Amino acid sequence: MLTLGLVWQLMRRIINNTLAGLAENDSELADAEILNGVDEEVAEGGKSSRIRSFKDSSLATGHFFLDVLLGVKPCYVAYSLVTPGNTKEERYANARLAISIARKLGGMITVGSRGY
């Protein structure tokens, strides 16, 4: 479990460094700033989903990630392929779809397994 925690912290650091490089003042972004940014992308896509933190249980369905991607590139998300996310298989299918779209858009993908 210690190794998983270490890997998670390293992934988080890499992501924070990447986001800091994209920020206007080149400083590390706080979680609240990141959440505000993704909320803006969701709103840009015409969706109203929101999360309160990176530990929000609603993230498991994959819907929020797809809503963010819709805001980034509206024509890429086919909601006819999105499942409700009620079962492990449905959540997996949504995650695969989100990862595929993000990769197609040139996004950096960092994945960790927690057995969902």
Foldseek 3Di string as FASTA:
>chain_A
DVVLVVVVVVVVVVVQQVVLVVDPVSDGDDQVVVQVVLCVLLVQLVHRDGADGPPGPVCQQLPSLLSSLCSVPVVQDDCVQQDPSPDPVNSVSSVVSSVVSCVVVVHDDDDDDDPD
